[in-house]
N, C-alpha and C. Protein backbone atom coordinates (compact mmCIF):
# COMPACT_ATOMS: atom_id res chain seq x y z
N CYS A 1 -96.54 -71.57 35.01
CA CYS A 1 -96.26 -72.82 34.77
C CYS A 1 -94.99 -73.36 34.96
N GLN A 2 -93.64 -72.82 33.85
CA GLN A 2 -92.92 -73.55 34.21
C GLN A 2 -91.78 -73.72 35.51
N ALA A 3 -92.21 -72.79 36.23
CA ALA A 3 -91.83 -72.69 37.73
C ALA A 3 -92.42 -73.84 38.28
N GLY A 4 -93.31 -74.39 38.23
CA GLY A 4 -94.28 -75.33 38.87
C GLY A 4 -94.18 -76.90 38.01
N ASN A 5 -93.43 -77.15 36.69
CA ASN A 5 -93.16 -77.54 35.96
C ASN A 5 -95.17 -78.33 35.40
N ILE A 6 -95.58 -77.29 34.83
CA ILE A 6 -96.78 -77.68 34.30
C ILE A 6 -96.50 -77.17 33.01
N THR A 7 -97.19 -78.47 31.94
CA THR A 7 -97.66 -77.91 30.29
C THR A 7 -98.14 -76.35 30.63
N CYS A 8 -97.66 -76.05 29.27
CA CYS A 8 -98.55 -74.43 28.98
C CYS A 8 -99.05 -74.93 27.39
N VAL A 9 -100.09 -74.41 26.76
CA VAL A 9 -100.51 -74.40 25.74
C VAL A 9 -100.86 -73.17 25.70
N ASN A 10 -100.27 -72.70 24.28
CA ASN A 10 -100.27 -71.27 23.89
C ASN A 10 -101.16 -70.97 23.14
N GLU A 11 -102.23 -70.28 23.38
CA GLU A 11 -103.53 -70.24 22.42
C GLU A 11 -103.66 -69.08 21.57
N GLY A 12 -103.81 -69.19 20.19
CA GLY A 12 -103.77 -67.80 19.41
C GLY A 12 -105.53 -67.76 18.66
N PHE A 13 -105.80 -66.78 18.82
CA PHE A 13 -107.06 -65.99 18.78
C PHE A 13 -106.87 -65.84 17.03
N ALA A 14 -107.90 -66.51 16.11
CA ALA A 14 -107.77 -66.57 15.03
C ALA A 14 -108.68 -65.37 14.53
N ASP A 15 -109.47 -64.99 15.09
CA ASP A 15 -110.53 -64.17 14.90
C ASP A 15 -110.83 -62.98 15.58
N ARG A 16 -109.58 -62.59 16.02
CA ARG A 16 -108.92 -61.36 17.22
C ARG A 16 -108.10 -60.51 16.60
N THR A 17 -108.07 -59.42 16.65
CA THR A 17 -106.96 -58.09 16.62
C THR A 17 -105.57 -58.01 18.23
N TYR A 18 -104.84 -57.80 17.91
CA TYR A 18 -104.04 -57.82 18.95
C TYR A 18 -103.41 -56.55 19.33
N ASP A 19 -103.53 -56.03 20.45
CA ASP A 19 -102.74 -54.58 20.44
C ASP A 19 -101.29 -54.38 20.61
N HIS A 20 -101.10 -55.93 21.54
CA HIS A 20 -99.86 -56.31 22.02
C HIS A 20 -99.94 -57.48 21.72
N ILE A 21 -98.31 -58.07 22.09
CA ILE A 21 -98.01 -59.68 21.75
C ILE A 21 -99.15 -60.74 22.38
N ASN A 22 -99.55 -60.23 23.48
CA ASN A 22 -100.09 -61.18 24.14
C ASN A 22 -101.37 -60.36 24.91
N GLN A 23 -101.82 -59.68 24.09
CA GLN A 23 -102.98 -58.55 24.62
C GLN A 23 -103.92 -58.42 23.54
N LEU A 24 -105.07 -59.13 23.68
CA LEU A 24 -106.59 -58.84 22.60
C LEU A 24 -106.89 -57.44 22.64
N ARG A 25 -106.96 -57.15 21.44
CA ARG A 25 -107.85 -55.59 21.43
C ARG A 25 -109.00 -55.55 21.64
N SER A 26 -109.19 -54.72 22.95
CA SER A 26 -110.73 -54.90 23.48
C SER A 26 -111.95 -54.60 22.47
N ARG A 27 -112.66 -55.43 22.36
CA ARG A 27 -113.92 -55.42 21.84
C ARG A 27 -114.63 -53.81 21.91
N LYS A 28 -114.57 -53.14 22.75
CA LYS A 28 -114.42 -52.01 22.38
C LYS A 28 -114.48 -50.91 21.01
N HIS A 29 -113.39 -51.52 20.49
CA HIS A 29 -113.13 -51.09 19.48
C HIS A 29 -113.64 -51.83 18.01
N LYS A 30 -114.52 -51.09 16.92
CA LYS A 30 -115.12 -51.95 16.27
C LYS A 30 -114.49 -52.85 15.57
N ASP A 31 -112.68 -52.64 15.57
CA ASP A 31 -111.92 -53.64 14.42
C ASP A 31 -111.19 -54.49 15.56
N ALA A 32 -112.13 -54.75 16.57
CA ALA A 32 -111.06 -55.79 17.55
C ALA A 32 -111.89 -57.47 16.83
N VAL A 33 -112.44 -57.51 16.15
CA VAL A 33 -112.79 -58.89 15.56
C VAL A 33 -112.82 -59.12 14.34
N LEU A 34 -111.92 -59.98 13.75
CA LEU A 34 -111.90 -60.33 12.50
C LEU A 34 -112.72 -61.34 11.75
N GLU A 35 -113.59 -60.87 10.92
CA GLU A 35 -114.68 -61.11 10.30
C GLU A 35 -114.70 -61.61 9.21
N THR A 36 -113.33 -62.03 7.90
CA THR A 36 -113.62 -62.47 6.63
C THR A 36 -112.99 -63.83 6.88
N LYS A 37 -113.13 -64.89 6.07
CA LYS A 37 -112.32 -65.90 5.65
C LYS A 37 -110.72 -65.40 5.31
N THR A 38 -110.66 -64.39 4.86
CA THR A 38 -109.27 -63.95 4.42
C THR A 38 -108.42 -62.91 5.36
N GLU A 39 -108.97 -62.44 6.05
CA GLU A 39 -108.02 -61.76 7.58
C GLU A 39 -107.89 -63.13 8.62
N ILE A 40 -109.00 -64.16 8.46
CA ILE A 40 -108.62 -65.11 9.54
C ILE A 40 -107.70 -66.00 9.30
N LEU A 41 -107.81 -66.06 7.92
CA LEU A 41 -106.66 -67.42 7.04
C LEU A 41 -105.19 -66.46 7.63
N ALA A 42 -105.48 -65.41 7.03
CA ALA A 42 -104.08 -64.57 6.78
C ALA A 42 -103.42 -64.73 8.55
N GLN A 43 -103.93 -64.21 9.57
CA GLN A 43 -103.72 -64.47 10.90
C GLN A 43 -103.29 -65.90 11.09
N VAL A 44 -104.03 -66.78 11.08
CA VAL A 44 -103.43 -68.28 10.97
C VAL A 44 -102.16 -68.90 10.50
N GLN A 45 -102.14 -68.20 9.06
CA GLN A 45 -101.13 -68.90 8.50
C GLN A 45 -99.43 -67.72 9.07
N GLY A 46 -100.01 -66.65 10.15
CA GLY A 46 -98.71 -65.71 10.67
C GLY A 46 -98.70 -66.62 11.72
N PHE A 47 -99.45 -66.88 12.43
CA PHE A 47 -99.36 -68.13 13.49
C PHE A 47 -98.35 -69.48 13.29
N LEU A 48 -98.80 -69.95 12.38
CA LEU A 48 -98.15 -70.73 11.47
C LEU A 48 -96.84 -70.85 11.46
N ALA A 49 -96.37 -69.94 10.83
CA ALA A 49 -94.97 -69.26 10.80
C ALA A 49 -94.52 -68.13 11.76
N GLY A 50 -95.14 -68.31 12.91
CA GLY A 50 -94.72 -67.77 14.13
C GLY A 50 -94.44 -66.61 14.21
N LYS A 51 -95.19 -65.91 13.69
CA LYS A 51 -95.54 -64.41 13.91
C LYS A 51 -96.81 -63.69 14.04
N ILE A 52 -97.15 -62.75 14.71
CA ILE A 52 -97.88 -62.21 14.78
C ILE A 52 -97.97 -60.46 14.11
N LYS A 53 -99.32 -60.08 13.53
CA LYS A 53 -99.03 -58.73 13.03
C LYS A 53 -100.16 -57.79 13.90
N LEU A 54 -99.87 -57.17 14.71
CA LEU A 54 -100.41 -56.49 16.11
C LEU A 54 -101.44 -55.17 14.94
N HIS A 55 -102.41 -54.52 15.89
CA HIS A 55 -102.95 -53.42 15.44
C HIS A 55 -102.31 -52.65 14.71
N ASN A 56 -101.51 -52.13 15.50
CA ASN A 56 -100.53 -50.95 14.48
C ASN A 56 -99.55 -51.09 13.71
N GLN A 57 -99.97 -52.63 12.84
CA GLN A 57 -98.88 -53.28 11.91
C GLN A 57 -97.58 -54.12 12.21
N GLU A 58 -97.37 -53.62 13.23
CA GLU A 58 -95.66 -54.25 13.66
C GLU A 58 -95.86 -55.59 13.59
N ASN A 59 -95.01 -56.13 13.45
CA ASN A 59 -94.97 -57.62 13.27
C ASN A 59 -94.03 -58.15 14.54
N HIS A 60 -94.22 -59.67 15.12
CA HIS A 60 -93.86 -59.71 16.11
C HIS A 60 -93.83 -61.11 16.39
N PRO A 61 -93.23 -62.25 16.67
CA PRO A 61 -93.05 -63.10 16.98
C PRO A 61 -93.85 -64.43 17.81
N ILE A 62 -94.46 -65.10 17.89
CA ILE A 62 -95.57 -65.33 18.94
C ILE A 62 -94.98 -66.87 18.27
N GLN A 63 -95.62 -67.92 19.48
CA GLN A 63 -95.75 -69.17 19.43
C GLN A 63 -97.37 -69.47 19.85
N VAL A 64 -97.55 -70.43 19.04
CA VAL A 64 -99.13 -70.50 19.37
C VAL A 64 -99.37 -72.40 19.00
N ASP A 65 -99.76 -72.95 20.15
CA ASP A 65 -100.13 -74.50 20.03
C ASP A 65 -101.32 -74.78 19.92
N SER A 66 -102.02 -74.16 19.91
CA SER A 66 -103.67 -73.89 19.76
C SER A 66 -104.19 -72.76 19.70
N ILE A 67 -105.23 -73.19 18.35
CA ILE A 67 -105.98 -72.01 17.91
C ILE A 67 -107.57 -71.96 18.14
N CYS A 68 -108.18 -70.93 18.84
CA CYS A 68 -109.00 -70.35 18.93
C CYS A 68 -110.14 -69.63 18.46
N LEU A 69 -111.16 -70.11 17.69
CA LEU A 69 -112.16 -69.39 16.80
C LEU A 69 -113.22 -69.49 17.53
N HIS A 70 -114.28 -68.14 17.78
CA HIS A 70 -114.92 -67.84 19.11
C HIS A 70 -116.22 -68.39 18.22
N SER A 71 -117.21 -68.79 19.01
CA SER A 71 -118.37 -69.40 18.44
C SER A 71 -119.22 -67.86 18.30
N ASP A 72 -119.20 -67.23 18.50
CA ASP A 72 -119.76 -65.95 18.73
C ASP A 72 -119.17 -64.67 17.60
N THR A 73 -118.37 -65.30 16.59
CA THR A 73 -118.24 -64.66 15.38
C THR A 73 -118.75 -64.80 14.38
N LEU A 74 -119.47 -63.84 13.86
CA LEU A 74 -120.21 -63.78 12.70
C LEU A 74 -119.67 -64.69 11.70
N GLY A 75 -120.75 -65.56 11.41
CA GLY A 75 -120.36 -66.86 10.44
C GLY A 75 -119.43 -67.64 10.67
N ALA A 76 -119.38 -68.08 12.11
CA ALA A 76 -118.29 -69.39 12.94
C ALA A 76 -118.38 -70.43 12.18
N VAL A 77 -119.38 -70.90 11.64
CA VAL A 77 -119.84 -72.31 11.36
C VAL A 77 -118.82 -72.38 10.08
N GLU A 78 -119.10 -71.38 9.43
CA GLU A 78 -118.12 -71.38 7.77
C GLU A 78 -117.17 -71.33 7.91
N LEU A 79 -116.70 -70.38 8.84
CA LEU A 79 -115.31 -69.91 9.14
C LEU A 79 -114.69 -71.20 9.77
N SER A 80 -114.97 -71.87 10.60
CA SER A 80 -114.39 -73.14 11.25
C SER A 80 -114.11 -74.22 9.92
N ARG A 81 -114.84 -74.08 9.18
CA ARG A 81 -114.86 -74.95 8.04
C ARG A 81 -113.62 -74.86 6.88
N ALA A 82 -113.95 -73.47 7.31
CA ALA A 82 -112.71 -72.61 6.39
C ALA A 82 -111.40 -73.35 6.94
N LEU A 83 -110.75 -72.93 8.25
CA LEU A 83 -110.02 -72.87 8.74
C LEU A 83 -109.36 -74.52 8.83
N TRP A 84 -110.44 -75.01 9.21
CA TRP A 84 -110.18 -76.99 9.02
C TRP A 84 -109.52 -77.30 7.39
N SER A 85 -109.99 -76.55 6.75
CA SER A 85 -109.54 -77.44 5.38
C SER A 85 -108.18 -76.38 5.19
N PHE A 86 -108.04 -75.09 5.57
CA PHE A 86 -107.00 -74.55 5.30
C PHE A 86 -105.89 -75.39 6.19
N LEU A 87 -105.62 -76.01 7.42
CA LEU A 87 -105.35 -76.40 8.01
C LEU A 87 -104.72 -77.91 7.79
N ARG A 88 -105.91 -78.48 7.19
CA ARG A 88 -105.75 -79.90 6.45
C ARG A 88 -104.39 -80.23 5.11
N GLY A 89 -104.72 -78.69 4.47
CA GLY A 89 -103.90 -78.46 3.53
C GLY A 89 -104.49 -79.50 2.43
């Protein structure tokens, strides 16, 4: 994108764990999806602070311009409301 002068938007996934800085943990693992409000809001708070906690508990810097919450995550409607309220502060 940079070479072609194309604007890029970095998406962070509120409801997924990361194995590596830009790699989501495979859904083959039972802990690949974050399902509780506490976990999801903690991940988003990290995004806002510019960091991500990986599956192995290491913290890494991250830049997030857009946040995704998957519609197939259990309780997605309620979670999206909680996320919206959190972001609106």
